[in-house]
PDB file of N, CA and C in Angstrom:
ATOM      1  N   MET A   1      -5.514  23.569 -52.450  1.00  0.00           N
ATOM      2  CA  MET A   1      -6.428  22.623 -51.853  1.00  0.00           C
ATOM      3  C   MET A   1      -7.825  22.879 -52.424  1.00  0.00           C
ATOM      4  N   ASN A   2      -8.581  21.806 -52.574  1.00  0.00           N
ATOM      5  CA  ASN A   2      -9.946  21.968 -53.062  1.00  0.00           C
ATOM      6  C   ASN A   2     -10.913  22.128 -51.885  1.00  0.00           C
ATOM      7  N   THR A   3     -12.200  22.166 -52.157  1.00  0.00           N
ATOM      8  CA  THR A   3     -13.185  22.379 -51.101  1.00  0.00           C
ATOM      9  C   THR A   3     -13.301  21.184 -50.150  1.00  0.00           C
ATOM     10  N   HIS A   4     -12.735  20.039 -50.510  1.00  0.00           N
ATOM     11  CA  HIS A   4     -12.743  18.860 -49.641  1.00  0.00           C
ATOM     12  C   HIS A   4     -11.498  18.803 -48.758  1.00  0.00           C
ATOM     13  N   GLY A   5     -10.616  19.797 -48.886  1.00  0.00           N
ATOM     14  CA  GLY A   5      -9.410  19.848 -48.073  1.00  0.00           C
ATOM     15  C   GLY A   5      -8.281  18.970 -48.572  1.00  0.00           C
ATOM     16  N   THR A   6      -8.371  18.536 -49.825  1.00  0.00           N
ATOM     17  CA  THR A   6      -7.297  17.731 -50.417  1.00  0.00           C
ATOM     18  C   THR A   6      -6.751  18.464 -51.642  1.00  0.00           C
ATOM     19  N   GLY A   7      -5.650  17.939 -52.176  1.00  0.00           N
ATOM     20  CA  GLY A   7      -5.010  18.569 -53.325  1.00  0.00           C
ATOM     21  C   GLY A   7      -5.961  18.721 -54.500  1.00  0.00           C
ATOM     22  N   HIS A   8      -5.930  19.883 -55.130  1.00  0.00           N
ATOM     23  CA  HIS A   8      -6.785  20.161 -56.288  1.00  0.00           C
ATOM     24  C   HIS A   8      -6.287  19.372 -57.494  1.00  0.00           C
ATOM     25  N   GLY A   9      -7.186  18.718 -58.199  1.00  0.00           N
ATOM     26  CA  GLY A   9      -6.825  17.889 -59.346  1.00  0.00           C
ATOM     27  C   GLY A   9      -6.046  18.621 -60.411  1.00  0.00           C
ATOM     28  N   GLY A  10      -6.365  19.885 -60.647  1.00  0.00           N
ATOM     29  CA  GLY A  10      -5.653  20.662 -61.653  1.00  0.00           C
ATOM     30  C   GLY A  10      -4.204  20.911 -61.258  1.00  0.00           C
ATOM     31  N   ALA A  11      -3.978  21.192 -59.983  1.00  0.00           N
ATOM     32  CA  ALA A  11      -2.612  21.407 -59.501  1.00  0.00           C
ATOM     33  C   ALA A  11      -1.812  20.103 -59.566  1.00  0.00           C
ATOM     34  N   ILE A  12      -2.451  18.998 -59.239  1.00  0.00           N
ATOM     35  CA  ILE A  12      -1.792  17.693 -59.308  1.00  0.00           C
ATOM     36  C   ILE A  12      -1.443  17.371 -60.762  1.00  0.00           C
ATOM     37  N   ALA A  13      -2.381  17.625 -61.672  1.00  0.00           N
ATOM     38  CA  ALA A  13      -2.127  17.377 -63.096  1.00  0.00           C
ATOM     39  C   ALA A  13      -0.960  18.226 -63.597  1.00  0.00           C
ATOM     40  N   THR A  14      -0.906  19.481 -63.177  1.00  0.00           N
ATOM     41  CA  THR A  14       0.180  20.359 -63.589  1.00  0.00           C
ATOM     42  C   THR A  14       1.518  19.843 -63.082  1.00  0.00           C
ATOM     43  N   ALA A  15       1.564  19.404 -61.833  1.00  0.00           N
ATOM     44  CA  ALA A  15       2.813  18.882 -61.257  1.00  0.00           C
ATOM     45  C   ALA A  15       3.277  17.628 -62.005  1.00  0.00           C
ATOM     46  N   LEU A  16       2.346  16.733 -62.328  1.00  0.00           N
ATOM     47  CA  LEU A  16       2.712  15.510 -63.042  1.00  0.00           C
ATOM     48  C   LEU A  16       3.138  15.810 -64.475  1.00  0.00           C
ATOM     49  N   ASP A  17       2.458  16.728 -65.129  1.00  0.00           N
ATOM     50  CA  ASP A  17       2.839  17.133 -66.483  1.00  0.00           C
ATOM     51  C   ASP A  17       4.248  17.725 -66.472  1.00  0.00           C
ATOM     52  N   ALA A  18       4.515  18.606 -65.518  1.00  0.00           N
ATOM     53  CA  ALA A  18       5.849  19.206 -65.412  1.00  0.00           C
ATOM     54  C   ALA A  18       6.898  18.138 -65.125  1.00  0.00           C
ATOM     55  N   GLY A  19       6.560  17.160 -64.290  1.00  0.00           N
ATOM     56  CA  GLY A  19       7.496  16.074 -63.993  1.00  0.00           C
ATOM     57  C   GLY A  19       7.873  15.300 -65.240  1.00  0.00           C
ATOM     58  N   CYS A  20       6.899  15.048 -66.093  1.00  0.00           N
ATOM     59  CA  CYS A  20       7.183  14.373 -67.364  1.00  0.00           C
ATOM     60  C   CYS A  20       8.075  15.240 -68.247  1.00  0.00           C
ATOM     61  N   CYS A  21       7.726  16.515 -68.382  1.00  0.00           N
ATOM     62  CA  CYS A  21       8.497  17.416 -69.249  1.00  0.00           C
ATOM     63  C   CYS A  21       9.922  17.589 -68.743  1.00  0.00           C
ATOM     64  N   TYR A  22      10.088  17.743 -67.440  1.00  0.00           N
ATOM     65  CA  TYR A  22      11.439  17.907 -66.888  1.00  0.00           C
ATOM     66  C   TYR A  22      12.257  16.631 -67.013  1.00  0.00           C
ATOM     67  N   ALA A  23      11.592  15.492 -67.099  1.00  0.00           N
ATOM     68  CA  ALA A  23      12.337  14.244 -67.300  1.00  0.00           C
ATOM     69  C   ALA A  23      13.080  14.275 -68.641  1.00  0.00           C
ATOM     70  N   PHE A  24      12.531  15.007 -69.604  1.00  0.00           N
ATOM     71  CA  PHE A  24      13.197  15.143 -70.907  1.00  0.00           C
ATOM     72  C   PHE A  24      14.340  16.157 -70.875  1.00  0.00           C
ATOM     73  N   ALA A  25      14.357  17.050 -69.896  1.00  0.00           N
ATOM     74  CA  ALA A  25      15.349  18.131 -69.838  1.00  0.00           C
ATOM     75  C   ALA A  25      16.756  17.553 -69.858  1.00  0.00           C
ATOM     76  N   GLY A  26      17.586  18.140 -70.658  1.00  0.00           N
ATOM     77  CA  GLY A  26      18.975  17.716 -70.745  1.00  0.00           C
ATOM     78  C   GLY A  26      19.220  16.548 -71.682  1.00  0.00           C
ATOM     79  N   ARG A  27      18.173  15.946 -72.209  1.00  0.00           N
ATOM     80  CA  ARG A  27      18.341  14.806 -73.108  1.00  0.00           C
ATOM     81  C   ARG A  27      18.627  15.247 -74.532  1.00  0.00           C
ATOM     82  N   SER A  28      18.254  16.478 -74.855  1.00  0.00           N
ATOM     83  CA  SER A  28      18.437  16.965 -76.223  1.00  0.00           C
ATOM     84  C   SER A  28      18.345  18.476 -76.217  1.00  0.00           C
ATOM     85  N   GLY A  29      18.516  19.067 -77.372  1.00  0.00           N
ATOM     86  CA  GLY A  29      18.358  20.505 -77.511  1.00  0.00           C
ATOM     87  C   GLY A  29      16.931  20.868 -77.860  1.00  0.00           C
ATOM     88  N   ALA A  30      15.970  20.210 -77.214  1.00  0.00           N
ATOM     89  CA  ALA A  30      14.561  20.441 -77.524  1.00  0.00           C
ATOM     90  C   ALA A  30      13.777  20.677 -76.247  1.00  0.00           C
ATOM     91  N   THR A  31      12.644  21.357 -76.394  1.00  0.00           N
ATOM     92  CA  THR A  31      11.650  21.378 -75.333  1.00  0.00           C
ATOM     93  C   THR A  31      10.593  20.357 -75.742  1.00  0.00           C
ATOM     94  N   TRP A  32       9.844  19.859 -74.779  1.00  0.00           N
ATOM     95  CA  TRP A  32       8.915  18.751 -75.052  1.00  0.00           C
ATOM     96  C   TRP A  32       7.498  19.105 -74.597  1.00  0.00           C
ATOM     97  N   PRO A  33       6.746  19.881 -75.384  1.00  0.00           N
ATOM     98  CA  PRO A  33       5.371  20.172 -75.013  1.00  0.00           C
ATOM     99  C   PRO A  33       4.502  18.910 -75.031  1.00  0.00           C
ATOM    100  N   THR A  34       3.470  18.945 -74.245  1.00  0.00           N
ATOM    101  CA  THR A  34       2.580  17.803 -74.082  1.00  0.00           C
ATOM    102  C   THR A  34       1.618  17.676 -75.256  1.00  0.00           C
ATOM    103  N   VAL A  35       1.506  16.461 -75.782  1.00  0.00           N
ATOM    104  CA  VAL A  35       0.516  16.143 -76.814  1.00  0.00           C
ATOM    105  C   VAL A  35      -0.719  15.557 -76.143  1.00  0.00           C
ATOM    106  N   SER A  36      -0.506  14.589 -75.257  1.00  0.00           N
ATOM    107  CA  SER A  36      -1.620  14.027 -74.502  1.00  0.00           C
ATOM    108  C   SER A  36      -1.097  13.528 -73.162  1.00  0.00           C
ATOM    109  N   LEU A  37      -1.972  13.554 -72.158  1.00  0.00           N
ATOM    110  CA  LEU A  37      -1.581  13.149 -70.814  1.00  0.00           C
ATOM    111  C   LEU A  37      -2.752  12.430 -70.163  1.00  0.00           C
ATOM    112  N   THR A  38      -2.481  11.256 -69.634  1.00  0.00           N
ATOM    113  CA  THR A  38      -3.495  10.483 -68.911  1.00  0.00           C
ATOM    114  C   THR A  38      -3.092  10.428 -67.446  1.00  0.00           C
ATOM    115  N   LEU A  39      -4.023  10.758 -66.575  1.00  0.00           N
ATOM    116  CA  LEU A  39      -3.749  10.782 -65.141  1.00  0.00           C
ATOM    117  C   LEU A  39      -4.645   9.797 -64.413  1.00  0.00           C
ATOM    118  N   ASN A  40      -4.103   9.240 -63.350  1.00  0.00           N
ATOM    119  CA  ASN A  40      -4.873   8.424 -62.430  1.00  0.00           C
ATOM    120  C   ASN A  40      -4.629   8.955 -61.026  1.00  0.00           C
ATOM    121  N   TYR A  41      -5.700   9.406 -60.378  1.00  0.00           N
ATOM    122  CA  TYR A  41      -5.628   9.868 -59.004  1.00  0.00           C
ATOM    123  C   TYR A  41      -5.892   8.649 -58.128  1.00  0.00           C
ATOM    124  N   LEU A  42      -4.900   8.245 -57.345  1.00  0.00           N
ATOM    125  CA  LEU A  42      -4.977   6.989 -56.615  1.00  0.00           C
ATOM    126  C   LEU A  42      -5.405   7.134 -55.162  1.00  0.00           C
ATOM    127  N   ALA A  43      -5.164   8.302 -54.590  1.00  0.00           N
ATOM    128  CA  ALA A  43      -5.523   8.554 -53.195  1.00  0.00           C
ATOM    129  C   ALA A  43      -5.650  10.057 -52.996  1.00  0.00           C
ATOM    130  N   PRO A  44      -6.431  10.480 -51.995  1.00  0.00           N
ATOM    131  CA  PRO A  44      -6.495  11.916 -51.711  1.00  0.00           C
ATOM    132  C   PRO A  44      -5.109  12.447 -51.371  1.00  0.00           C
ATOM    133  N   VAL A  45      -4.819  13.627 -51.842  1.00  0.00           N
ATOM    134  CA  VAL A  45      -3.512  14.239 -51.601  1.00  0.00           C
ATOM    135  C   VAL A  45      -3.660  15.208 -50.435  1.00  0.00           C
ATOM    136  N   PRO A  46      -3.054  14.878 -49.292  1.00  0.00           N
ATOM    137  CA  PRO A  46      -3.187  15.758 -48.132  1.00  0.00           C
ATOM    138  C   PRO A  46      -2.349  17.023 -48.288  1.00  0.00           C
ATOM    139  N   GLU A  47      -2.670  18.026 -47.496  1.00  0.00           N
ATOM    140  CA  GLU A  47      -1.885  19.251 -47.500  1.00  0.00           C
ATOM    141  C   GLU A  47      -0.473  18.942 -47.026  1.00  0.00           C
ATOM    142  N   GLY A  48       0.504  19.608 -47.612  1.00  0.00           N
ATOM    143  CA  GLY A  48       1.897  19.401 -47.219  1.00  0.00           C
ATOM    144  C   GLY A  48       2.789  19.284 -48.428  1.00  0.00           C
ATOM    145  N   GLU A  49       4.034  18.966 -48.170  1.00  0.00           N
ATOM    146  CA  GLU A  49       5.006  18.828 -49.250  1.00  0.00           C
ATOM    147  C   GLU A  49       4.981  17.425 -49.822  1.00  0.00           C
ATOM    148  N   HIS A  50       5.087  17.355 -51.140  1.00  0.00           N
ATOM    149  CA  HIS A  50       5.132  16.098 -51.866  1.00  0.00           C
ATOM    150  C   HIS A  50       6.194  16.239 -52.943  1.00  0.00           C
ATOM    151  N   PHE A  51       6.510  15.173 -53.635  1.00  0.00           N
ATOM    152  CA  PHE A  51       7.455  15.298 -54.733  1.00  0.00           C
ATOM    153  C   PHE A  51       6.993  14.465 -55.915  1.00  0.00           C
ATOM    154  N   VAL A  52       7.478  14.854 -57.092  1.00  0.00           N
ATOM    155  CA  VAL A  52       7.149  14.178 -58.341  1.00  0.00           C
ATOM    156  C   VAL A  52       8.408  13.503 -58.859  1.00  0.00           C
ATOM    157  N   LEU A  53       8.266  12.252 -59.218  1.00  0.00           N
ATOM    158  CA  LEU A  53       9.352  11.493 -59.836  1.00  0.00           C
ATOM    159  C   LEU A  53       8.961  11.241 -61.279  1.00  0.00           C
ATOM    160  N   GLY A  54       9.717  11.812 -62.226  1.00  0.00           N
ATOM    161  CA  GLY A  54       9.426  11.647 -63.646  1.00  0.00           C
ATOM    162  C   GLY A  54      10.504  10.837 -64.328  1.00  0.00           C
ATOM    163  N   ARG A  55      10.110  10.084 -65.347  1.00  0.00           N
ATOM    164  CA  ARG A  55      11.092   9.306 -66.107  1.00  0.00           C
ATOM    165  C   ARG A  55      10.662   9.195 -67.563  1.00  0.00           C
ATOM    166  N   VAL A  56      11.662   9.215 -68.413  1.00  0.00           N
ATOM    167  CA  VAL A  56      11.432   9.082 -69.852  1.00  0.00           C
ATOM    168  C   VAL A  56      11.329   7.600 -70.180  1.00  0.00           C
ATOM    169  N   ILE A  57      10.299   7.241 -70.912  1.00  0.00           N
ATOM    170  CA  ILE A  57      10.140   5.874 -71.402  1.00  0.00           C
ATOM    171  C   ILE A  57      10.805   5.757 -72.774  1.00  0.00           C
ATOM    172  N   ARG A  58      10.580   6.757 -73.613  1.00  0.00           N
ATOM    173  CA  ARG A  58      11.189   6.788 -74.949  1.00  0.00           C
ATOM    174  C   ARG A  58      11.290   8.226 -75.413  1.00  0.00           C
ATOM    175  N   ALA A  59      12.412   8.578 -75.985  1.00  0.00           N
ATOM    176  CA  ALA A  59      12.609   9.920 -76.534  1.00  0.00           C
ATOM    177  C   ALA A  59      13.061   9.773 -77.981  1.00  0.00           C
ATOM    178  N   GLY A  60      12.122   9.831 -78.899  1.00  0.00           N
ATOM    179  CA  GLY A  60      12.435   9.727 -80.314  1.00  0.00           C
ATOM    180  C   GLY A  60      12.631  11.088 -80.947  1.00  0.00           C
ATOM    181  N   ARG A  61      12.851  11.092 -82.255  1.00  0.00           N
ATOM    182  CA  ARG A  61      13.032  12.364 -82.953  1.00  0.00           C
ATOM    183  C   ARG A  61      11.739  13.144 -83.091  1.00  0.00           C
ATOM    184  N   LYS A  62      10.603  12.439 -83.178  1.00  0.00           N
ATOM    185  CA  LYS A  62       9.335  13.124 -83.413  1.00  0.00           C
ATOM    186  C   LYS A  62       8.329  12.970 -82.285  1.00  0.00           C
ATOM    187  N   VAL A  63       8.552  12.022 -81.400  1.00  0.00           N
ATOM    188  CA  VAL A  63       7.622  11.819 -80.297  1.00  0.00           C
ATOM    189  C   VAL A  63       8.371  11.196 -79.122  1.00  0.00           C
ATOM    190  N   GLY A  64       7.898  11.502 -77.928  1.00  0.00           N
ATOM    191  CA  GLY A  64       8.467  10.917 -76.723  1.00  0.00           C
ATOM    192  C   GLY A  64       7.354  10.499 -75.782  1.00  0.00           C
ATOM    193  N   VAL A  65       7.659   9.559 -74.924  1.00  0.00           N
ATOM    194  CA  VAL A  65       6.711   9.095 -73.917  1.00  0.00           C
ATOM    195  C   VAL A  65       7.410   9.180 -72.561  1.00  0.00           C
ATOM    196  N   ALA A  66       6.697   9.712 -71.576  1.00  0.00           N
ATOM    197  CA  ALA A  66       7.237   9.821 -70.230  1.00  0.00           C
ATOM    198  C   ALA A  66       6.131   9.530 -69.235  1.00  0.00           C
ATOM    199  N   GLU A  67       6.530   9.229 -68.008  1.00  0.00           N
ATOM    200  CA  GLU A  67       5.557   9.034 -66.940  1.00  0.00           C
ATOM    201  C   GLU A  67       6.058   9.725 -65.687  1.00  0.00           C
ATOM    202  N   ALA A  68       5.139  10.032 -64.792  1.00  0.00           N
ATOM    203  CA  ALA A  68       5.484  10.698 -63.539  1.00  0.00           C
ATOM    204  C   ALA A  68       4.575  10.174 -62.437  1.00  0.00           C
ATOM    205  N   GLU A  69       5.104  10.212 -61.223  1.00  0.00           N
ATOM    206  CA  GLU A  69       4.360   9.774 -60.047  1.00  0.00           C
ATOM    207  C   GLU A  69       4.453  10.855 -58.978  1.00  0.00           C
ATOM    208  N   LEU A  70       3.356  11.086 -58.270  1.00  0.00           N
ATOM    209  CA  LEU A  70       3.323  12.017 -57.147  1.00  0.00           C
ATOM    210  C   LEU A  70       3.415  11.200 -55.869  1.00  0.00           C
ATOM    211  N   TRP A  71       4.450  11.483 -55.069  1.00  0.00           N
ATOM    212  CA  TRP A  71       4.722  10.728 -53.839  1.00  0.00           C
ATOM    213  C   TRP A  71       4.584  11.636 -52.623  1.00  0.00           C
ATOM    214  N   PRO A  72       4.145  11.059 -51.488  1.00  0.00           N
ATOM    215  CA  PRO A  72       4.093  11.844 -50.250  1.00  0.00           C
ATOM    216  C   PRO A  72       5.489  12.328 -49.873  1.00  0.00           C
ATOM    217  N   GLY A  73       5.560  13.498 -49.278  1.00  0.00           N
ATOM    218  CA  GLY A  73       6.831  14.106 -48.932  1.00  0.00           C
ATOM    219  C   GLY A  73       7.711  13.282 -48.014  1.00  0.00           C
ATOM    220  N   GLY A  74       7.149  12.429 -47.184  1.00  0.00           N
ATOM    221  CA  GLY A  74       7.946  11.639 -46.252  1.00  0.00           C
ATOM    222  C   GLY A  74       8.537  10.373 -46.848  1.00  0.00           C
ATOM    223  N   THR A  75       8.294  10.119 -48.128  1.00  0.00           N
ATOM    224  CA  THR A  75       8.791   8.915 -48.770  1.00  0.00           C
ATOM    225  C   THR A  75      10.313   8.964 -48.876  1.00  0.00           C
ATOM    226  N   ASP A  76      10.977   7.864 -48.574  1.00  0.00           N
ATOM    227  CA  ASP A  76      12.441   7.771 -48.686  1.00  0.00           C
ATOM    228  C   ASP A  76      12.804   7.680 -50.166  1.00  0.00           C
ATOM    229  N   VAL A  77      13.332   8.763 -50.703  1.00  0.00           N
ATOM    230  CA  VAL A  77      13.624   8.844 -52.140  1.00  0.00           C
ATOM    231  C   VAL A  77      14.683   7.823 -52.541  1.00  0.00           C
ATOM    232  N   ASP A  78      15.717   7.676 -51.742  1.00  0.00           N
ATOM    233  CA  ASP A  78      16.781   6.719 -52.079  1.00  0.00           C
ATOM    234  C   ASP A  78      16.229   5.301 -52.149  1.00  0.00           C
ATOM    235  N   ALA A  79      15.385   4.933 -51.194  1.00  0.00           N
ATOM    236  CA  ALA A  79      14.770   3.597 -51.209  1.00  0.00           C
ATOM    237  C   ALA A  79      13.849   3.453 -52.412  1.00  0.00           C
ATOM    238  N   LEU A  80      13.106   4.511 -52.716  1.00  0.00           N
ATOM    239  CA  LEU A  80      12.196   4.491 -53.869  1.00  0.00           C
ATOM    240  C   LEU A  80      12.974   4.254 -55.157  1.00  0.00           C
ATOM    241  N   LEU A  81      14.069   4.993 -55.348  1.00  0.00           N
ATOM    242  CA  LEU A  81      14.872   4.844 -56.560  1.00  0.00           C
ATOM    243  C   LEU A  81      15.536   3.473 -56.633  1.00  0.00           C
ATOM    244  N   ALA A  82      15.781   2.861 -55.481  1.00  0.00           N
ATOM    245  CA  ALA A  82      16.376   1.522 -55.440  1.00  0.00           C
ATOM    246  C   ALA A  82      15.324   0.433 -55.629  1.00  0.00           C
ATOM    247  N   GLY A  83      14.047   0.825 -55.694  1.00  0.00           N
ATOM    248  CA  GLY A  83      12.977  -0.142 -55.893  1.00  0.00           C
ATOM    249  C   GLY A  83      12.492  -0.794 -54.610  1.00  0.00           C
ATOM    250  N   ASP A  84      12.938  -0.297 -53.470  1.00  0.00           N
ATOM    251  CA  ASP A  84      12.536  -0.836 -52.175  1.00  0.00           C
ATOM    252  C   ASP A  84      11.390   0.010 -51.629  1.00  0.00           C
ATOM    253  N   LEU A  85      10.181  -0.244 -52.127  1.00  0.00           N
ATOM    254  CA  LEU A  85       9.039   0.600 -51.799  1.00  0.00           C
ATOM    255  C   LEU A  85       8.512   0.383 -50.393  1.00  0.00           C
ATOM    256  N   ASP A  86       8.715  -0.805 -49.820  1.00  0.00           N
ATOM    257  CA  ASP A  86       8.287  -1.123 -48.465  1.00  0.00           C
ATOM    258  C   ASP A  86       6.843  -0.691 -48.209  1.00  0.00           C
ATOM    259  N   GLY A  87       5.964  -0.979 -49.159  1.00  0.00           N
ATOM    260  CA  GLY A  87       4.544  -0.676 -49.012  1.00  0.00           C
ATOM    261  C   GLY A  87       4.138   0.730 -49.417  1.00  0.00           C
ATOM    262  N   ALA A  88       5.097   1.597 -49.711  1.00  0.00           N
ATOM    263  CA  ALA A  88       4.766   2.970 -50.124  1.00  0.00           C
ATOM    264  C   ALA A  88       4.094   2.944 -51.495  1.00  0.00           C
ATOM    265  N   GLN A  89       3.141   3.825 -51.673  1.00  0.00           N
ATOM    266  CA  GLN A  89       2.426   3.911 -52.944  1.00  0.00           C
ATOM    267  C   GLN A  89       2.281   5.369 -53.361  1.00  0.00           C
ATOM    268  N   PRO A  90       2.319   5.629 -54.672  1.00  0.00           N
ATOM    269  CA  PRO A  90       2.134   7.011 -55.132  1.00  0.00           C
ATOM    270  C   PRO A  90       0.691   7.465 -54.913  1.00  0.00           C
ATOM    271  N   LEU A  91       0.522   8.766 -54.846  1.00  0.00           N
ATOM    272  CA  LEU A  91      -0.807   9.350 -54.686  1.00  0.00           C
ATOM    273  C   LEU A  91      -1.502   9.543 -56.026  1.00  0.00           C
ATOM    274  N   ALA A  92      -0.710   9.741 -57.077  1.00  0.00           N
ATOM    275  CA  ALA A  92      -1.246   9.926 -58.427  1.00  0.00           C
ATOM    276  C   ALA A  92      -0.147   9.568 -59.424  1.00  0.00           C
ATOM    277  N   VAL A  93      -0.563   9.136 -60.611  1.00  0.00           N
ATOM    278  CA  VAL A  93       0.386   8.783 -61.663  1.00  0.00           C
ATOM    279  C   VAL A  93      -0.096   9.368 -62.990  1.00  0.00           C
ATOM    280  N   ALA A  94       0.847   9.597 -63.892  1.00  0.00           N
ATOM    281  CA  ALA A  94       0.509  10.113 -65.218  1.00  0.00           C
ATOM    282  C   ALA A  94       1.444   9.502 -66.241  1.00  0.00           C
ATOM    283  N   ARG A  95       0.936   9.358 -67.451  1.00  0.00           N
ATOM    284  CA  ARG A  95       1.753   8.914 -68.584  1.00  0.00           C
ATOM    285  C   ARG A  95       1.321   9.762 -69.765  1.00  0.00           C
ATOM    286  N   GLY A  96       2.298  10.246 -70.517  1.00  0.00           N
ATOM    287  CA  GLY A  96       1.950  11.139 -71.606  1.00  0.00           C
ATOM    288  C   GLY A  96       2.824  10.983 -72.818  1.00  0.00           C
ATOM    289  N   THR A  97       2.346  11.593 -73.876  1.00  0.00           N
ATOM    290  CA  THR A  97       3.057  11.668 -75.146  1.00  0.00           C
ATOM    291  C   THR A  97       3.473  13.123 -75.339  1.00  0.00           C
ATOM    292  N   PHE A  98       4.702  13.317 -75.809  1.00  0.00           N
ATOM    293  CA  PHE A  98       5.272  14.649 -75.941  1.00  0.00           C
ATOM    294  C   PHE A  98       5.941  14.779 -77.297  1.00  0.00           C
ATOM    295  N   HIS A  99       5.947  16.006 -77.821  1.00  0.00           N
ATOM    296  CA  HIS A  99       6.527  16.260 -79.138  1.00  0.00           C
ATOM    297  C   HIS A  99       7.708  17.206 -78.982  1.00  0.00           C
ATOM    298  N   PRO A 100       8.894  16.809 -79.424  1.00  0.00           N
ATOM    299  CA  PRO A 100      10.037  17.716 -79.279  1.00  0.00           C
ATOM    300  C   PRO A 100       9.941  18.912 -80.209  1.00  0.00           C
ATOM    301  N   VAL A 101      10.244  20.063 -79.687  1.00  0.00           N
ATOM    302  CA  VAL A 101      10.363  21.280 -80.480  1.00  0.00           C
ATOM    303  C   VAL A 101      11.836  21.649 -80.417  1.00  0.00           C
ATOM    304  N   TRP A 102      12.520  21.506 -81.519  1.00  0.00           N
ATOM    305  CA  TRP A 102      13.970  21.686 -81.573  1.00  0.00           C
ATOM    306  C   TRP A 102      14.315  23.164 -81.544  1.00  0.00           C
ATOM    307  N   LEU A 103      15.206  23.520 -80.639  1.00  0.00           N
ATOM    308  CA  LEU A 103      15.656  24.895 -80.507  1.00  0.00           C
ATOM    309  C   LEU A 103      16.795  25.140 -81.488  1.00  0.00           C
ATOM    310  N   ARG A 104      16.812  26.330 -82.046  1.00  0.00           N
ATOM    311  CA  ARG A 104      17.872  26.651 -83.024  1.00  0.00           C
ATOM    312  C   ARG A 104      18.890  27.553 -82.411  1.00  0.00           C
TER     313      ARG A 104
END
């Protein structure tokens, strides 16, 4: 938490970055370090449990793009994945470019 009693921007950025990277997990024999990441903080993040939903937009041989959203912990994940948001909105979003590092 920051001095205003809300989630610290650095911790939020780390969670969203990890969400993007983990979205690539299992797609190939590579790890996907971040090349660039753009974040938008949409609302103050209150203390408590939250979750990150990450998804791959494109996974090429030399570059990948992914995005992640930070959602309040009480959000119905099944409804969210079905696209039935019922007014729910993410607290922060990120989109980034990643470079695969192929493991040998």
